[in-house]
Amino acid sequence: MRAAIRVRHNSIRAEQAYRGWIKRFIFFYGKRHPGDMGKVEISAFLTHLAVKGKVAASTQNQALNAILFLYRGGLKQDVEWLDEVERAKKPSRLPVVFTPNEARKVLALPPQGK
């Protein structure tokens, strides 16, 4: 894996992160060889990260990218089905903004101090 990552000129930090996620994936399944696993196991691992691990969407996507790299770059397996694994989406957040009238009311309040 290390050689495959370095051939692509990725940073040392990216290499460490990918190796860490790949190791967690393998240990999650009791050290089973990744070649013996497929879409079901990968989806279950990513779901576990989100539900039990409560990781952010970007963290879950990083784990998926590491696993994709493992299969495509390390094991040289044709894994068309990995494109079907759903990526986590960042939750959309509506901006909270005062209306001009609300801002005037807040600015008109007397200062509160100690």
N, C-alpha and C. Protein backbone atom coordinates (compact mmCIF):
# COMPACT_ATOMS: atom_id res chain seq x y z
N MET A 1 0.83 -1.19 0.00
CA MET A 1 0.00 0.00 0.00
C MET A 1 0.87 1.25 0.00
N ARG A 2 1.89 1.22 0.84
CA ARG A 2 2.74 2.40 0.95
C ARG A 2 3.35 2.77 -0.40
N ALA A 3 3.82 1.78 -1.12
CA ALA A 3 4.43 2.04 -2.43
C ALA A 3 3.40 2.59 -3.41
N ALA A 4 2.19 2.03 -3.38
CA ALA A 4 1.14 2.49 -4.30
C ALA A 4 0.77 3.94 -4.01
N ILE A 5 0.76 4.32 -2.75
CA ILE A 5 0.44 5.70 -2.38
C ILE A 5 1.56 6.63 -2.81
N ARG A 6 2.80 6.21 -2.57
CA ARG A 6 3.94 7.08 -2.88
C ARG A 6 4.15 7.26 -4.38
N VAL A 7 3.81 6.26 -5.17
CA VAL A 7 3.91 6.39 -6.62
C VAL A 7 3.03 7.54 -7.11
N ARG A 8 1.91 7.76 -6.43
CA ARG A 8 0.99 8.82 -6.82
C ARG A 8 1.37 10.17 -6.21
N HIS A 9 2.48 10.23 -5.49
CA HIS A 9 3.00 11.46 -4.90
C HIS A 9 2.04 12.10 -3.90
N ASN A 10 1.32 11.27 -3.15
CA ASN A 10 0.47 11.80 -2.10
C ASN A 10 1.34 12.20 -0.91
N SER A 11 0.81 13.05 -0.07
CA SER A 11 1.56 13.50 1.10
C SER A 11 1.69 12.37 2.12
N ILE A 12 2.65 12.53 3.02
CA ILE A 12 2.85 11.56 4.09
C ILE A 12 1.60 11.49 4.97
N ARG A 13 0.97 12.64 5.22
CA ARG A 13 -0.24 12.69 6.05
C ARG A 13 -1.39 11.91 5.38
N ALA A 14 -1.51 12.04 4.08
CA ALA A 14 -2.54 11.29 3.36
C ALA A 14 -2.26 9.80 3.45
N GLU A 15 -1.00 9.44 3.31
CA GLU A 15 -0.60 8.03 3.43
C GLU A 15 -0.95 7.49 4.81
N GLN A 16 -0.63 8.25 5.85
CA GLN A 16 -0.93 7.81 7.21
C GLN A 16 -2.43 7.67 7.42
N ALA A 17 -3.20 8.62 6.92
CA ALA A 17 -4.66 8.56 7.08
C ALA A 17 -5.23 7.34 6.36
N TYR A 18 -4.81 7.12 5.12
CA TYR A 18 -5.32 5.99 4.36
C TYR A 18 -4.95 4.66 5.02
N ARG A 19 -3.69 4.54 5.46
CA ARG A 19 -3.27 3.31 6.13
C ARG A 19 -4.08 3.08 7.39
N GLY A 20 -4.35 4.15 8.12
CA GLY A 20 -5.15 4.04 9.34
C GLY A 20 -6.56 3.55 9.06
N TRP A 21 -7.21 4.11 8.04
CA TRP A 21 -8.58 3.69 7.70
C TRP A 21 -8.62 2.26 7.19
N ILE A 22 -7.62 1.89 6.40
CA ILE A 22 -7.57 0.53 5.87
C ILE A 22 -7.38 -0.47 7.02
N LYS A 23 -6.52 -0.12 7.95
CA LYS A 23 -6.28 -0.98 9.11
C LYS A 23 -7.56 -1.12 9.93
N ARG A 24 -8.27 -0.01 10.17
CA ARG A 24 -9.52 -0.06 10.93
C ARG A 24 -10.56 -0.93 10.22
N PHE A 25 -10.61 -0.81 8.89
CA PHE A 25 -11.56 -1.61 8.11
C PHE A 25 -11.27 -3.10 8.26
N ILE A 26 -10.00 -3.47 8.13
CA ILE A 26 -9.61 -4.88 8.23
C ILE A 26 -9.85 -5.41 9.65
N PHE A 27 -9.49 -4.64 10.67
CA PHE A 27 -9.68 -5.08 12.04
C PHE A 27 -11.16 -5.12 12.42
N PHE A 28 -11.97 -4.28 11.80
CA PHE A 28 -13.41 -4.28 12.07
C PHE A 28 -14.01 -5.65 11.73
N TYR A 29 -13.45 -6.31 10.75
CA TYR A 29 -13.93 -7.62 10.33
C TYR A 29 -13.01 -8.75 10.79
N GLY A 30 -12.33 -8.57 11.90
CA GLY A 30 -11.53 -9.64 12.48
C GLY A 30 -10.37 -10.08 11.62
N LYS A 31 -9.73 -9.14 10.96
CA LYS A 31 -8.54 -9.38 10.13
C LYS A 31 -8.83 -10.22 8.89
N ARG A 32 -10.06 -10.15 8.39
CA ARG A 32 -10.37 -10.83 7.12
C ARG A 32 -9.65 -10.10 5.99
N HIS A 33 -9.28 -10.84 4.97
CA HIS A 33 -8.63 -10.23 3.82
C HIS A 33 -9.65 -9.41 3.05
N PRO A 34 -9.30 -8.18 2.66
CA PRO A 34 -10.25 -7.33 1.92
C PRO A 34 -10.73 -7.96 0.62
N GLY A 35 -9.94 -8.83 0.02
CA GLY A 35 -10.37 -9.49 -1.21
C GLY A 35 -11.56 -10.41 -1.00
N ASP A 36 -11.77 -10.83 0.25
CA ASP A 36 -12.90 -11.69 0.57
C ASP A 36 -14.15 -10.90 0.95
N MET A 37 -14.03 -9.59 0.94
CA MET A 37 -15.16 -8.75 1.33
C MET A 37 -15.66 -7.95 0.14
N GLY A 38 -16.86 -7.41 0.27
CA GLY A 38 -17.44 -6.67 -0.84
C GLY A 38 -18.27 -5.50 -0.39
N LYS A 39 -19.23 -5.16 -1.22
CA LYS A 39 -20.07 -3.98 -1.03
C LYS A 39 -20.80 -4.01 0.31
N VAL A 40 -21.31 -5.16 0.70
CA VAL A 40 -22.07 -5.28 1.95
C VAL A 40 -21.19 -4.91 3.15
N GLU A 41 -19.97 -5.45 3.19
CA GLU A 41 -19.07 -5.18 4.31
C GLU A 41 -18.63 -3.72 4.35
N ILE A 42 -18.36 -3.16 3.18
CA ILE A 42 -17.94 -1.75 3.14
C ILE A 42 -19.07 -0.85 3.60
N SER A 43 -20.28 -1.10 3.12
CA SER A 43 -21.43 -0.29 3.53
C SER A 43 -21.67 -0.41 5.03
N ALA A 44 -21.54 -1.63 5.56
CA ALA A 44 -21.74 -1.83 7.00
C ALA A 44 -20.69 -1.09 7.81
N PHE A 45 -19.44 -1.10 7.34
CA PHE A 45 -18.37 -0.39 8.04
C PHE A 45 -18.63 1.11 8.04
N LEU A 46 -19.00 1.65 6.89
CA LEU A 46 -19.27 3.09 6.80
C LEU A 46 -20.48 3.49 7.65
N THR A 47 -21.49 2.63 7.69
CA THR A 47 -22.66 2.89 8.53
C THR A 47 -22.26 2.86 9.99
N HIS A 48 -21.42 1.91 10.35
CA HIS A 48 -20.93 1.83 11.74
C HIS A 48 -20.20 3.13 12.12
N LEU A 49 -19.38 3.64 11.21
CA LEU A 49 -18.67 4.89 11.50
C LEU A 49 -19.64 6.03 11.78
N ALA A 50 -20.70 6.11 10.98
CA ALA A 50 -21.65 7.21 11.13
C ALA A 50 -22.51 7.04 12.38
N VAL A 51 -23.01 5.83 12.61
CA VAL A 51 -23.97 5.61 13.69
C VAL A 51 -23.28 5.45 15.04
N LYS A 52 -22.36 4.51 15.12
CA LYS A 52 -21.69 4.24 16.40
C LYS A 52 -20.53 5.21 16.66
N GLY A 53 -19.76 5.49 15.60
CA GLY A 53 -18.61 6.37 15.75
C GLY A 53 -18.97 7.84 15.72
N LYS A 54 -20.14 8.14 15.20
CA LYS A 54 -20.63 9.53 15.09
C LYS A 54 -19.61 10.44 14.41
N VAL A 55 -19.02 9.93 13.32
CA VAL A 55 -18.05 10.74 12.59
C VAL A 55 -18.76 11.69 11.64
N ALA A 56 -18.08 12.74 11.26
CA ALA A 56 -18.61 13.71 10.32
C ALA A 56 -18.66 13.10 8.92
N ALA A 57 -19.45 13.72 8.07
CA ALA A 57 -19.58 13.23 6.69
C ALA A 57 -18.23 13.24 5.98
N SER A 58 -17.43 14.26 6.21
CA SER A 58 -16.13 14.33 5.54
C SER A 58 -15.20 13.21 6.02
N THR A 59 -15.30 12.83 7.29
CA THR A 59 -14.49 11.74 7.82
C THR A 59 -14.93 10.41 7.21
N GLN A 60 -16.22 10.23 7.11
CA GLN A 60 -16.75 9.00 6.51
C GLN A 60 -16.33 8.90 5.05
N ASN A 61 -16.35 10.02 4.34
CA ASN A 61 -15.92 10.02 2.94
C ASN A 61 -14.43 9.74 2.81
N GLN A 62 -13.62 10.21 3.77
CA GLN A 62 -12.20 9.92 3.75
C GLN A 62 -11.96 8.42 3.92
N ALA A 63 -12.72 7.80 4.82
CA ALA A 63 -12.62 6.35 5.01
C ALA A 63 -12.99 5.62 3.73
N LEU A 64 -14.06 6.05 3.07
CA LEU A 64 -14.47 5.44 1.81
C LEU A 64 -13.39 5.60 0.75
N ASN A 65 -12.79 6.78 0.66
CA ASN A 65 -11.72 7.00 -0.33
C ASN A 65 -10.53 6.09 -0.06
N ALA A 66 -10.20 5.88 1.21
CA ALA A 66 -9.09 4.98 1.55
C ALA A 66 -9.41 3.56 1.13
N ILE A 67 -10.65 3.12 1.35
CA ILE A 67 -11.05 1.77 0.97
C ILE A 67 -11.07 1.63 -0.56
N LEU A 68 -11.55 2.67 -1.24
CA LEU A 68 -11.50 2.67 -2.71
C LEU A 68 -10.06 2.51 -3.19
N PHE A 69 -9.15 3.24 -2.56
CA PHE A 69 -7.74 3.16 -2.93
C PHE A 69 -7.20 1.76 -2.67
N LEU A 70 -7.60 1.16 -1.56
CA LEU A 70 -7.16 -0.20 -1.24
C LEU A 70 -7.52 -1.17 -2.35
N TYR A 71 -8.77 -1.11 -2.79
CA TYR A 71 -9.22 -2.06 -3.82
C TYR A 71 -8.66 -1.74 -5.20
N ARG A 72 -8.67 -0.47 -5.57
CA ARG A 72 -8.22 -0.12 -6.92
C ARG A 72 -6.71 -0.04 -7.03
N GLY A 73 -6.07 0.64 -6.07
CA GLY A 73 -4.63 0.87 -6.15
C GLY A 73 -3.80 -0.24 -5.56
N GLY A 74 -4.24 -0.79 -4.42
CA GLY A 74 -3.45 -1.80 -3.74
C GLY A 74 -3.70 -3.20 -4.23
N LEU A 75 -4.97 -3.59 -4.30
CA LEU A 75 -5.31 -4.95 -4.71
C LEU A 75 -5.51 -5.10 -6.21
N LYS A 76 -5.54 -3.97 -6.90
CA LYS A 76 -5.72 -3.94 -8.37
C LYS A 76 -6.97 -4.72 -8.78
N GLN A 77 -8.04 -4.53 -8.04
CA GLN A 77 -9.29 -5.22 -8.35
C GLN A 77 -10.23 -4.26 -9.07
N ASP A 78 -10.93 -4.82 -10.03
CA ASP A 78 -11.96 -4.06 -10.73
C ASP A 78 -13.18 -4.04 -9.82
N VAL A 79 -13.49 -2.89 -9.29
CA VAL A 79 -14.57 -2.78 -8.31
C VAL A 79 -15.59 -1.73 -8.76
N GLU A 80 -16.24 -2.02 -9.85
CA GLU A 80 -17.26 -1.11 -10.38
C GLU A 80 -18.35 -0.87 -9.33
N TRP A 81 -18.65 -1.88 -8.54
CA TRP A 81 -19.72 -1.79 -7.55
C TRP A 81 -19.40 -0.78 -6.47
N LEU A 82 -18.11 -0.44 -6.27
CA LEU A 82 -17.77 0.55 -5.24
C LEU A 82 -18.28 1.94 -5.60
N ASP A 83 -18.49 2.20 -6.88
CA ASP A 83 -19.03 3.49 -7.29
C ASP A 83 -20.48 3.65 -6.82
N GLU A 84 -21.13 2.51 -6.56
CA GLU A 84 -22.53 2.54 -6.13
C GLU A 84 -22.67 2.78 -4.63
N VAL A 85 -21.57 2.65 -3.87
CA VAL A 85 -21.64 2.88 -2.43
C VAL A 85 -21.93 4.37 -2.22
N GLU A 86 -22.95 4.63 -1.45
CA GLU A 86 -23.39 6.01 -1.27
C GLU A 86 -22.45 6.78 -0.36
N ARG A 87 -22.06 7.94 -0.81
CA ARG A 87 -21.19 8.81 -0.02
C ARG A 87 -22.04 9.64 0.94
N ALA A 88 -21.44 9.92 2.09
CA ALA A 88 -22.13 10.76 3.07
C ALA A 88 -22.22 12.19 2.54
N LYS A 89 -23.31 12.83 2.85
CA LYS A 89 -23.50 14.22 2.42
C LYS A 89 -23.47 15.13 3.63
N LYS A 90 -22.82 16.27 3.47
CA LYS A 90 -22.80 17.25 4.54
C LYS A 90 -24.21 17.79 4.73
N PRO A 91 -24.63 17.95 5.98
CA PRO A 91 -25.97 18.50 6.18
C PRO A 91 -26.02 19.95 5.72
N SER A 92 -27.11 20.30 5.09
CA SER A 92 -27.23 21.70 4.66
C SER A 92 -27.69 22.53 5.84
N ARG A 93 -27.08 23.68 5.97
CA ARG A 93 -27.42 24.57 7.07
C ARG A 93 -27.90 25.89 6.49
N LEU A 94 -29.03 26.29 6.97
CA LEU A 94 -29.53 27.59 6.55
C LEU A 94 -28.84 28.67 7.38
N PRO A 95 -28.41 29.73 6.73
CA PRO A 95 -27.77 30.80 7.50
C PRO A 95 -28.81 31.51 8.37
N VAL A 96 -28.40 31.83 9.58
CA VAL A 96 -29.27 32.56 10.48
C VAL A 96 -28.84 34.02 10.42
N VAL A 97 -29.71 34.85 9.91
CA VAL A 97 -29.38 36.26 9.70
C VAL A 97 -30.52 37.11 10.25
N PHE A 98 -30.14 38.20 10.90
CA PHE A 98 -31.15 39.16 11.35
C PHE A 98 -31.71 39.92 10.17
N THR A 99 -32.98 40.25 10.26
CA THR A 99 -33.55 41.19 9.28
C THR A 99 -33.05 42.57 9.68
N PRO A 100 -33.10 43.55 8.79
CA PRO A 100 -32.65 44.89 9.18
C PRO A 100 -33.40 45.43 10.41
N ASN A 101 -34.68 45.15 10.51
CA ASN A 101 -35.46 45.62 11.65
C ASN A 101 -34.99 44.96 12.95
N GLU A 102 -34.70 43.64 12.90
CA GLU A 102 -34.22 42.93 14.08
C GLU A 102 -32.85 43.47 14.51
N ALA A 103 -32.00 43.77 13.55
CA ALA A 103 -30.67 44.31 13.87
C ALA A 103 -30.80 45.67 14.55
N ARG A 104 -31.71 46.52 14.07
CA ARG A 104 -31.93 47.83 14.71
C ARG A 104 -32.38 47.67 16.16
N LYS A 105 -33.27 46.71 16.40
CA LYS A 105 -33.78 46.48 17.75
C LYS A 105 -32.65 46.02 18.69
N VAL A 106 -31.80 45.14 18.21
CA VAL A 106 -30.69 44.66 19.03
C VAL A 106 -29.72 45.80 19.33
N LEU A 107 -29.41 46.61 18.33
CA LEU A 107 -28.48 47.72 18.53
C LEU A 107 -29.07 48.81 19.42
N ALA A 108 -30.37 48.90 19.48
CA ALA A 108 -31.03 49.92 20.29
C ALA A 108 -31.12 49.52 21.76
N LEU A 109 -30.87 48.28 22.09
CA LEU A 109 -30.91 47.82 23.48
C LEU A 109 -29.83 48.51 24.30
N PRO A 110 -30.13 48.83 25.56
CA PRO A 110 -29.11 49.43 26.41
C PRO A 110 -28.00 48.42 26.70
N PRO A 111 -26.76 48.87 26.84
CA PRO A 111 -25.66 47.96 27.13
C PRO A 111 -25.86 47.30 28.49
N GLN A 112 -25.53 46.01 28.53
CA GLN A 112 -25.64 45.28 29.79
C GLN A 112 -24.24 44.85 30.21
N GLY A 113 -23.85 45.25 31.35
CA GLY A 113 -22.52 44.92 31.84
C GLY A 113 -22.57 44.60 33.31
N LYS A 114 -21.41 44.40 33.84
CA LYS A 114 -21.33 44.05 35.26
C LYS A 114 -21.26 45.28 36.12
